Amino acid sequence: MSKKNNFGRAIYDIFGVGKDDSEDELGGEAESSDFFPVREETSDFVPPPAQAREAQPPRRESAPPPPPPPPVSDPAASDWSMPMLDDYRVERAIPVHSYEGTYLAAGTMFRGTLTARGDVEIAGDFEGEIIAKGKITLHSDITSKITALGLALVGSNLEGDVEITGDVSMNDQSSIVGNVRAENMVCSGKIKGDLDIQDNLVLDGTAEVDGSIKADTMSVARGAKITGSVEMHNMRK
């Protein structure tokens, strides 16, 4: 067998291409003049030898690309949508005309001027001036000049003048050392100073007043003590 036949036989054994030269040795057809022998066309497919199949590298199949998301016509109907403005709704701010109260707790000390647009409640140590557009409630002993819409003394001893556009009330455990000017007043405690009440003054049985009194109308309970002059506004008209 020639070198050419050997080469052709090797190609045929590996790839199954060409012509088996053993047929020539057994009296088959003559060699082809081409470099690779011509293989007769047959209808049956002949698989390549096992060595050729093992020599071929395994074929890697690439993963198919993910399908595109379906079109969403209504964002609210989808599983996810852009957050709407309502999701970040901010609570409406407190109107300018509404004010919180101011509270000075027991054990707290304040020196100076306190200005408030709402109510004020003091249970601590205060010395200075209070100006409030609301009602002031006192639970402790303080030294202050007070200007407010209303005033209530509950177990408080106040030293200073008081000017109230509304009502003043004080229980039997309270006292005021200073002048008081108000629209109405109900007193059950002790006052050392002058009273100028534009409308009605009520003195309970435990009330004690050491000073002059001016009022439009006045009610004095049995047991109340007055040391000073009393002048009725309606008598001056």
C-alpha atoms as a PDB file:
ATOM      1  CA  MET A   1       0.000   0.000   0.000  1.00  0.00           C
ATOM      2  CA  SER A   2       1.441   3.419  -0.917  1.00  0.00           C
ATOM      3  CA  LYS A   3       1.805   6.408   1.413  1.00  0.00           C
ATOM      4  CA  LYS A   4      -1.123   8.036  -0.281  1.00  0.00           C
ATOM      5  CA  ASN A   5      -3.276   5.057   0.463  1.00  0.00           C
ATOM      6  CA  ASN A   6      -2.120   5.024   4.076  1.00  0.00           C
ATOM      7  CA  PHE A   7      -3.050   8.697   4.491  1.00  0.00           C
ATOM      8  CA  GLY A   8      -6.439   8.161   2.920  1.00  0.00           C
ATOM      9  CA  ARG A   9      -7.090   5.180   5.147  1.00  0.00           C
ATOM     10  CA  ALA A  10      -6.246   7.263   8.250  1.00  0.00           C
ATOM     11  CA  ILE A  11      -8.632  10.036   7.194  1.00  0.00           C
ATOM     12  CA  TYR A  12     -11.346   7.470   6.639  1.00  0.00           C
ATOM     13  CA  ASP A  13     -10.811   5.838  10.059  1.00  0.00           C
ATOM     14  CA  ILE A  14     -10.892   9.156  11.958  1.00  0.00           C
ATOM     15  CA  PHE A  15     -13.460  11.239  10.125  1.00  0.00           C
ATOM     16  CA  GLY A  16     -15.280   8.705   7.997  1.00  0.00           C
ATOM     17  CA  VAL A  17     -14.414  10.666   4.870  1.00  0.00           C
ATOM     18  CA  GLY A  18     -12.838   9.238   1.753  1.00  0.00           C
ATOM     19  CA  LYS A  19     -12.538   5.663   0.658  1.00  0.00           C
ATOM     20  CA  ASP A  20     -11.421   2.529   2.389  1.00  0.00           C
ATOM     21  CA  ASP A  21      -8.286   1.392   0.467  1.00  0.00           C
ATOM     22  CA  SER A  22      -8.749  -2.085   1.797  1.00  0.00           C
ATOM     23  CA  GLU A  23     -11.266  -2.570  -0.989  1.00  0.00           C
ATOM     24  CA  ASP A  24      -8.454  -2.128  -3.491  1.00  0.00           C
ATOM     25  CA  GLU A  25      -6.372  -4.754  -1.751  1.00  0.00           C
ATOM     26  CA  LEU A  26      -9.339  -7.120  -1.887  1.00  0.00           C
ATOM     27  CA  GLY A  27      -9.845  -6.475  -5.550  1.00  0.00           C
ATOM     28  CA  GLY A  28     -12.048  -3.383  -5.279  1.00  0.00           C
ATOM     29  CA  GLU A  29     -12.051  -0.308  -7.423  1.00  0.00           C
ATOM     30  CA  ALA A  30      -8.845   1.451  -8.417  1.00  0.00           C
ATOM     31  CA  GLU A  31      -7.500   4.502  -6.583  1.00  0.00           C
ATOM     32  CA  SER A  32      -8.881   7.886  -7.464  1.00  0.00           C
ATOM     33  CA  SER A  33      -6.660  10.438  -8.948  1.00  0.00           C
ATOM     34  CA  ASP A  34      -7.849  13.037  -6.395  1.00  0.00           C
ATOM     35  CA  PHE A  35      -6.057  13.652  -3.140  1.00  0.00           C
ATOM     36  CA  PHE A  36      -9.083  12.443  -1.179  1.00  0.00           C
ATOM     37  CA  PRO A  37     -10.848   9.459  -2.644  1.00  0.00           C
ATOM     38  CA  VAL A  38     -14.345  10.066  -3.870  1.00  0.00           C
ATOM     39  CA  ARG A  39     -16.997   8.466  -1.679  1.00  0.00           C
ATOM     40  CA  GLU A  40     -20.008   7.044  -3.345  1.00  0.00           C
ATOM     41  CA  GLU A  41     -23.294   8.686  -2.402  1.00  0.00           C
ATOM     42  CA  THR A  42     -25.518   6.398  -0.408  1.00  0.00           C
ATOM     43  CA  SER A  43     -28.887   6.935   1.189  1.00  0.00           C
ATOM     44  CA  ASP A  44     -27.762   5.419   4.510  1.00  0.00           C
ATOM     45  CA  PHE A  45     -25.832   7.675   6.955  1.00  0.00           C
ATOM     46  CA  VAL A  46     -22.750   6.089   8.415  1.00  0.00           C
ATOM     47  CA  PRO A  47     -21.842   7.565  11.855  1.00  0.00           C
ATOM     48  CA  PRO A  48     -18.206   8.497  12.446  1.00  0.00           C
ATOM     49  CA  PRO A  49     -16.029   6.155  14.435  1.00  0.00           C
ATOM     50  CA  ALA A  50     -16.116   6.344  18.262  1.00  0.00           C
ATOM     51  CA  GLN A  51     -12.653   7.890  18.359  1.00  0.00           C
ATOM     52  CA  ALA A  52     -13.800  10.806  16.232  1.00  0.00           C
ATOM     53  CA  ARG A  53     -16.870  11.419  18.430  1.00  0.00           C
ATOM     54  CA  GLU A  54     -14.741  11.412  21.563  1.00  0.00           C
ATOM     55  CA  ALA A  55     -12.231  13.783  20.052  1.00  0.00           C
ATOM     56  CA  GLN A  56     -14.868  16.461  19.389  1.00  0.00           C
ATOM     57  CA  PRO A  57     -15.206  18.987  22.303  1.00  0.00           C
ATOM     58  CA  PRO A  58     -18.604  19.047  24.016  1.00  0.00           C
ATOM     59  CA  ARG A  59     -20.917  21.688  22.702  1.00  0.00           C
ATOM     60  CA  ARG A  60     -22.099  24.245  25.182  1.00  0.00           C
ATOM     61  CA  GLU A  61     -25.599  25.475  24.749  1.00  0.00           C
ATOM     62  CA  SER A  62     -26.023  29.132  25.687  1.00  0.00           C
ATOM     63  CA  ALA A  63     -28.957  30.016  27.920  1.00  0.00           C
ATOM     64  CA  PRO A  64     -31.769  31.727  26.069  1.00  0.00           C
ATOM     65  CA  PRO A  65     -32.163  35.425  26.835  1.00  0.00           C
ATOM     66  CA  PRO A  66     -34.894  36.298  29.361  1.00  0.00           C
ATOM     67  CA  PRO A  67     -38.179  37.281  27.800  1.00  0.00           C
ATOM     68  CA  PRO A  68     -38.925  41.016  27.800  1.00  0.00           C
ATOM     69  CA  PRO A  69     -41.389  42.210  30.453  1.00  0.00           C
ATOM     70  CA  PRO A  70     -44.937  42.469  29.211  1.00  0.00           C
ATOM     71  CA  PRO A  71     -46.129  45.976  28.478  1.00  0.00           C
ATOM     72  CA  VAL A  72     -48.016  47.611  31.327  1.00  0.00           C
ATOM     73  CA  SER A  73     -50.805  49.888  30.343  1.00  0.00           C
ATOM     74  CA  ASP A  74     -51.968  50.638  33.879  1.00  0.00           C
ATOM     75  CA  PRO A  75     -49.160  51.089  36.478  1.00  0.00           C
ATOM     76  CA  ALA A  76     -51.613  50.423  39.295  1.00  0.00           C
ATOM     77  CA  ALA A  77     -52.408  46.986  37.848  1.00  0.00           C
ATOM     78  CA  SER A  78     -48.783  45.796  37.789  1.00  0.00           C
ATOM     79  CA  ASP A  79     -46.929  44.182  40.684  1.00  0.00           C
ATOM     80  CA  TRP A  80     -44.656  47.194  41.029  1.00  0.00           C
ATOM     81  CA  SER A  81     -45.103  50.766  40.060  1.00  0.00           C
ATOM     82  CA  MET A  82     -43.461  54.071  40.772  1.00  0.00           C
ATOM     83  CA  PRO A  83     -44.419  55.438  44.205  1.00  0.00           C
ATOM     84  CA  MET A  84     -47.150  57.991  43.906  1.00  0.00           C
ATOM     85  CA  LEU A  85     -47.211  61.317  45.668  1.00  0.00           C
ATOM     86  CA  ASP A  86     -49.788  60.025  48.152  1.00  0.00           C
ATOM     87  CA  ASP A  87     -47.215  57.491  49.423  1.00  0.00           C
ATOM     88  CA  TYR A  88     -45.103  60.378  50.699  1.00  0.00           C
ATOM     89  CA  ARG A  89     -47.934  62.487  52.022  1.00  0.00           C
ATOM     90  CA  VAL A  90     -46.740  64.864  54.749  1.00  0.00           C
ATOM     91  CA  GLU A  91     -49.045  65.666  57.579  1.00  0.00           C
ATOM     92  CA  ARG A  92     -50.447  69.149  57.298  1.00  0.00           C
ATOM     93  CA  ALA A  93     -48.652  71.642  59.485  1.00  0.00           C
ATOM     94  CA  ILE A  94     -50.391  73.140  62.487  1.00  0.00           C
ATOM     95  CA  PRO A  95     -52.159  76.351  61.486  1.00  0.00           C
ATOM     96  CA  VAL A  96     -50.410  79.514  62.505  1.00  0.00           C
ATOM     97  CA  HIS A  97     -53.282  80.539  64.771  1.00  0.00           C
ATOM     98  CA  SER A  98     -53.068  77.319  66.871  1.00  0.00           C
ATOM     99  CA  TYR A  99     -50.455  77.212  69.618  1.00  0.00           C
ATOM    100  CA  GLU A 100     -49.302  74.583  72.078  1.00  0.00           C
ATOM    101  CA  GLY A 101     -49.161  75.293  75.794  1.00  0.00           C
ATOM    102  CA  THR A 102     -45.953  76.058  77.688  1.00  0.00           C
ATOM    103  CA  TYR A 103     -45.177  74.055  80.828  1.00  0.00           C
ATOM    104  CA  LEU A 104     -42.443  74.705  83.390  1.00  0.00           C
ATOM    105  CA  ALA A 105     -42.115  71.509  85.436  1.00  0.00           C
ATOM    106  CA  ALA A 106     -41.327  71.257  89.133  1.00  0.00           C
ATOM    107  CA  GLY A 107     -37.609  71.389  89.815  1.00  0.00           C
ATOM    108  CA  THR A 108     -37.050  73.685  86.809  1.00  0.00           C
ATOM    109  CA  MET A 109     -35.709  77.214  87.266  1.00  0.00           C
ATOM    110  CA  PHE A 110     -36.324  80.136  84.914  1.00  0.00           C
ATOM    111  CA  ARG A 111     -35.061  83.698  85.126  1.00  0.00           C
ATOM    112  CA  GLY A 112     -36.074  86.363  82.631  1.00  0.00           C
ATOM    113  CA  THR A 113     -39.061  87.207  80.434  1.00  0.00           C
ATOM    114  CA  LEU A 114     -41.376  84.474  79.189  1.00  0.00           C
ATOM    115  CA  THR A 115     -43.510  85.322  76.153  1.00  0.00           C
ATOM    116  CA  ALA A 116     -46.097  82.829  74.953  1.00  0.00           C
ATOM    117  CA  ARG A 117     -48.850  82.856  72.330  1.00  0.00           C
ATOM    118  CA  GLY A 118     -50.807  80.148  74.129  1.00  0.00           C
ATOM    119  CA  ASP A 119     -51.466  78.955  77.666  1.00  0.00           C
ATOM    120  CA  VAL A 120     -48.720  78.783  80.300  1.00  0.00           C
ATOM    121  CA  GLU A 121     -48.529  76.456  83.296  1.00  0.00           C
ATOM    122  CA  ILE A 122     -45.783  76.855  85.874  1.00  0.00           C
ATOM    123  CA  ALA A 123     -44.880  74.420  88.639  1.00  0.00           C
ATOM    124  CA  GLY A 124     -41.191  75.290  88.880  1.00  0.00           C
ATOM    125  CA  ASP A 125     -39.164  78.227  90.157  1.00  0.00           C
ATOM    126  CA  PHE A 126     -39.785  81.363  88.123  1.00  0.00           C
ATOM    127  CA  GLU A 127     -38.559  84.917  88.499  1.00  0.00           C
ATOM    128  CA  GLY A 128     -39.150  87.568  85.867  1.00  0.00           C
ATOM    129  CA  GLU A 129     -42.070  88.617  83.668  1.00  0.00           C
ATOM    130  CA  ILE A 130     -44.730  86.564  81.917  1.00  0.00           C
ATOM    131  CA  ILE A 131     -46.599  87.832  78.875  1.00  0.00           C
ATOM    132  CA  ALA A 132     -49.110  85.378  77.424  1.00  0.00           C
ATOM    133  CA  LYS A 133     -52.044  85.578  75.054  1.00  0.00           C
ATOM    134  CA  GLY A 134     -53.638  82.596  76.796  1.00  0.00           C
ATOM    135  CA  LYS A 135     -54.350  81.570  80.364  1.00  0.00           C
ATOM    136  CA  ILE A 136     -51.641  81.271  83.025  1.00  0.00           C
ATOM    137  CA  THR A 137     -51.901  78.626  85.748  1.00  0.00           C
ATOM    138  CA  LEU A 138     -49.540  78.793  88.738  1.00  0.00           C
ATOM    139  CA  HIS A 139     -48.750  75.884  91.076  1.00  0.00           C
ATOM    140  CA  SER A 140     -45.631  77.256  92.812  1.00  0.00           C
ATOM    141  CA  ASP A 141     -44.282  80.342  94.522  1.00  0.00           C
ATOM    142  CA  ILE A 142     -43.013  82.848  91.962  1.00  0.00           C
ATOM    143  CA  THR A 143     -41.979  86.462  91.666  1.00  0.00           C
ATOM    144  CA  SER A 144     -43.289  87.931  88.445  1.00  0.00           C
ATOM    145  CA  LYS A 145     -45.240  90.640  86.722  1.00  0.00           C
ATOM    146  CA  ILE A 146     -48.028  88.950  84.777  1.00  0.00           C
ATOM    147  CA  THR A 147     -49.924  90.090  81.690  1.00  0.00           C
ATOM    148  CA  ALA A 148     -52.278  87.564  80.173  1.00  0.00           C
ATOM    149  CA  LEU A 149     -55.791  86.637  79.093  1.00  0.00           C
ATOM    150  CA  GLY A 150     -56.560  84.730  82.306  1.00  0.00           C
ATOM    151  CA  LEU A 151     -54.933  83.708  85.580  1.00  0.00           C
ATOM    152  CA  ALA A 152     -55.506  80.843  88.015  1.00  0.00           C
ATOM    153  CA  LEU A 153     -53.575  80.329  91.260  1.00  0.00           C
ATOM    154  CA  VAL A 154     -53.673  76.794  92.667  1.00  0.00           C
ATOM    155  CA  GLY A 155     -51.602  76.580  95.857  1.00  0.00           C
ATOM    156  CA  SER A 156     -49.378  79.389  94.571  1.00  0.00           C
ATOM    157  CA  ASN A 157     -47.922  82.466  96.248  1.00  0.00           C
ATOM    158  CA  LEU A 158     -47.392  85.257  93.737  1.00  0.00           C
ATOM    159  CA  GLU A 159     -45.379  88.391  94.342  1.00  0.00           C
ATOM    160  CA  GLY A 160     -45.945  90.969  91.614  1.00  0.00           C
ATOM    161  CA  ASP A 161     -48.568  93.003  89.818  1.00  0.00           C
ATOM    162  CA  VAL A 162     -51.226  91.324  87.705  1.00  0.00           C
ATOM    163  CA  GLU A 163     -53.025  92.696  84.636  1.00  0.00           C
ATOM    164  CA  ILE A 164     -55.571  90.303  83.147  1.00  0.00           C
ATOM    165  CA  THR A 165     -58.039  91.017  80.342  1.00  0.00           C
ATOM    166  CA  GLY A 166     -60.261  88.109  81.432  1.00  0.00           C
ATOM    167  CA  ASP A 167     -60.858  86.261  84.706  1.00  0.00           C
ATOM    168  CA  VAL A 168     -58.715  85.671  87.802  1.00  0.00           C
ATOM    169  CA  SER A 169     -59.275  82.860  90.303  1.00  0.00           C
ATOM    170  CA  MET A 170     -57.338  81.774  93.383  1.00  0.00           C
ATOM    171  CA  ASN A 171     -58.012  79.026  95.941  1.00  0.00           C
ATOM    172  CA  ASP A 172     -57.678  79.241  99.701  1.00  0.00           C
ATOM    173  CA  GLN A 173     -54.050  78.037  99.569  1.00  0.00           C
ATOM    174  CA  SER A 174     -52.915  80.942  97.365  1.00  0.00           C
ATOM    175  CA  SER A 175     -51.860  84.500  97.926  1.00  0.00           C
ATOM    176  CA  ILE A 176     -50.969  87.611  95.934  1.00  0.00           C
ATOM    177  CA  VAL A 177     -48.717  90.431  97.045  1.00  0.00           C
ATOM    178  CA  GLY A 178     -49.314  93.116  94.431  1.00  0.00           C
ATOM    179  CA  ASN A 179     -52.000  95.020  92.596  1.00  0.00           C
ATOM    180  CA  VAL A 180     -54.581  93.167  90.504  1.00  0.00           C
ATOM    181  CA  ARG A 181     -56.498  94.492  87.532  1.00  0.00           C
ATOM    182  CA  ALA A 182     -58.946  92.133  85.790  1.00  0.00           C
ATOM    183  CA  GLU A 183     -62.401  91.801  84.240  1.00  0.00           C
ATOM    184  CA  ASN A 184     -63.742  89.346  86.858  1.00  0.00           C
ATOM    185  CA  MET A 185     -62.253  87.786  89.976  1.00  0.00           C
ATOM    186  CA  VAL A 186     -63.091  84.985  92.393  1.00  0.00           C
ATOM    187  CA  CYS A 187     -60.908  85.090  95.504  1.00  0.00           C
ATOM    188  CA  SER A 188     -60.655  82.479  98.236  1.00  0.00           C
ATOM    189  CA  GLY A 189     -57.111  83.346  99.329  1.00  0.00           C
ATOM    190  CA  LYS A 190     -55.198  86.350 100.623  1.00  0.00           C
ATOM    191  CA  ILE A 191     -54.401  89.535  98.728  1.00  0.00           C
ATOM    192  CA  LYS A 192     -52.146  92.359  99.885  1.00  0.00           C
ATOM    193  CA  GLY A 193     -52.635  95.091  97.303  1.00  0.00           C
ATOM    194  CA  ASP A 194     -55.274  97.058  95.446  1.00  0.00           C
ATOM    195  CA  LEU A 195     -57.988  95.398  93.349  1.00  0.00           C
ATOM    196  CA  ASP A 196     -59.430  97.045  90.213  1.00  0.00           C
ATOM    197  CA  ILE A 197     -62.140  94.731  88.852  1.00  0.00           C
ATOM    198  CA  GLN A 198     -64.016  95.957  85.795  1.00  0.00           C
ATOM    199  CA  ASP A 199     -67.061  93.720  86.232  1.00  0.00           C
ATOM    200  CA  ASN A 200     -67.711  91.350  89.135  1.00  0.00           C
ATOM    201  CA  LEU A 201     -65.722  90.517  92.266  1.00  0.00           C
ATOM    202  CA  VAL A 202     -66.504  87.504  94.455  1.00  0.00           C
ATOM    203  CA  LEU A 203     -64.909  87.151  97.894  1.00  0.00           C
ATOM    204  CA  ASP A 204     -65.402  83.729  99.486  1.00  0.00           C
ATOM    205  CA  GLY A 205     -65.540  83.150 103.236  1.00  0.00           C
ATOM    206  CA  THR A 206     -61.777  82.442 103.400  1.00  0.00           C
ATOM    207  CA  ALA A 207     -60.804  85.566 101.416  1.00  0.00           C
ATOM    208  CA  GLU A 208     -58.688  88.312 102.972  1.00  0.00           C
ATOM    209  CA  VAL A 209     -57.997  91.607 101.188  1.00  0.00           C
ATOM    210  CA  ASP A 210     -55.601  94.220 102.551  1.00  0.00           C
ATOM    211  CA  GLY A 211     -55.989  97.135 100.159  1.00  0.00           C
ATOM    212  CA  SER A 212     -58.509  99.247  98.282  1.00  0.00           C
ATOM    213  CA  ILE A 213     -61.199  97.623  96.167  1.00  0.00           C
ATOM    214  CA  LYS A 214     -62.795  98.966  93.004  1.00  0.00           C
ATOM    215  CA  ALA A 215     -65.444  96.880  91.271  1.00  0.00           C
ATOM    216  CA  ASP A 216     -68.646  97.215  89.268  1.00  0.00           C
ATOM    217  CA  THR A 217     -70.417  94.562  91.339  1.00  0.00           C
ATOM    218  CA  MET A 218     -69.199  92.657  94.376  1.00  0.00           C
ATOM    219  CA  SER A 219     -70.311  89.624  96.350  1.00  0.00           C
ATOM    220  CA  VAL A 220     -68.868  89.092  99.826  1.00  0.00           C
ATOM    221  CA  ALA A 221     -69.390  85.821 101.693  1.00  0.00           C
ATOM    222  CA  ARG A 222     -69.640  85.580 105.445  1.00  0.00           C
ATOM    223  CA  GLY A 223     -66.193  85.308 106.964  1.00  0.00           C
ATOM    224  CA  ALA A 224     -64.394  87.368 104.299  1.00  0.00           C
ATOM    225  CA  LYS A 225     -62.096  90.112 105.610  1.00  0.00           C
ATOM    226  CA  ILE A 226     -61.516  93.487 103.941  1.00  0.00           C
ATOM    227  CA  THR A 227     -58.983  96.009 105.230  1.00  0.00           C
ATOM    228  CA  GLY A 228     -59.231  99.117 103.077  1.00  0.00           C
ATOM    229  CA  SER A 229     -61.683 101.168 101.055  1.00  0.00           C
ATOM    230  CA  VAL A 230     -64.360  99.838  98.739  1.00  0.00           C
ATOM    231  CA  GLU A 231     -65.545 101.787  95.728  1.00  0.00           C
ATOM    232  CA  MET A 232     -68.237 100.606  93.321  1.00  0.00           C
ATOM    233  CA  HIS A 233     -67.912 101.624  89.664  1.00  0.00           C
ATOM    234  CA  ASN A 234     -71.673 101.950  89.184  1.00  0.00           C
ATOM    235  CA  MET A 235     -71.815 104.453  92.022  1.00  0.00           C
ATOM    236  CA  ARG A 236     -69.403 106.716  90.167  1.00  0.00           C
ATOM    237  CA  LYS A 237     -71.619 106.875  87.050  1.00  0.00           C
END
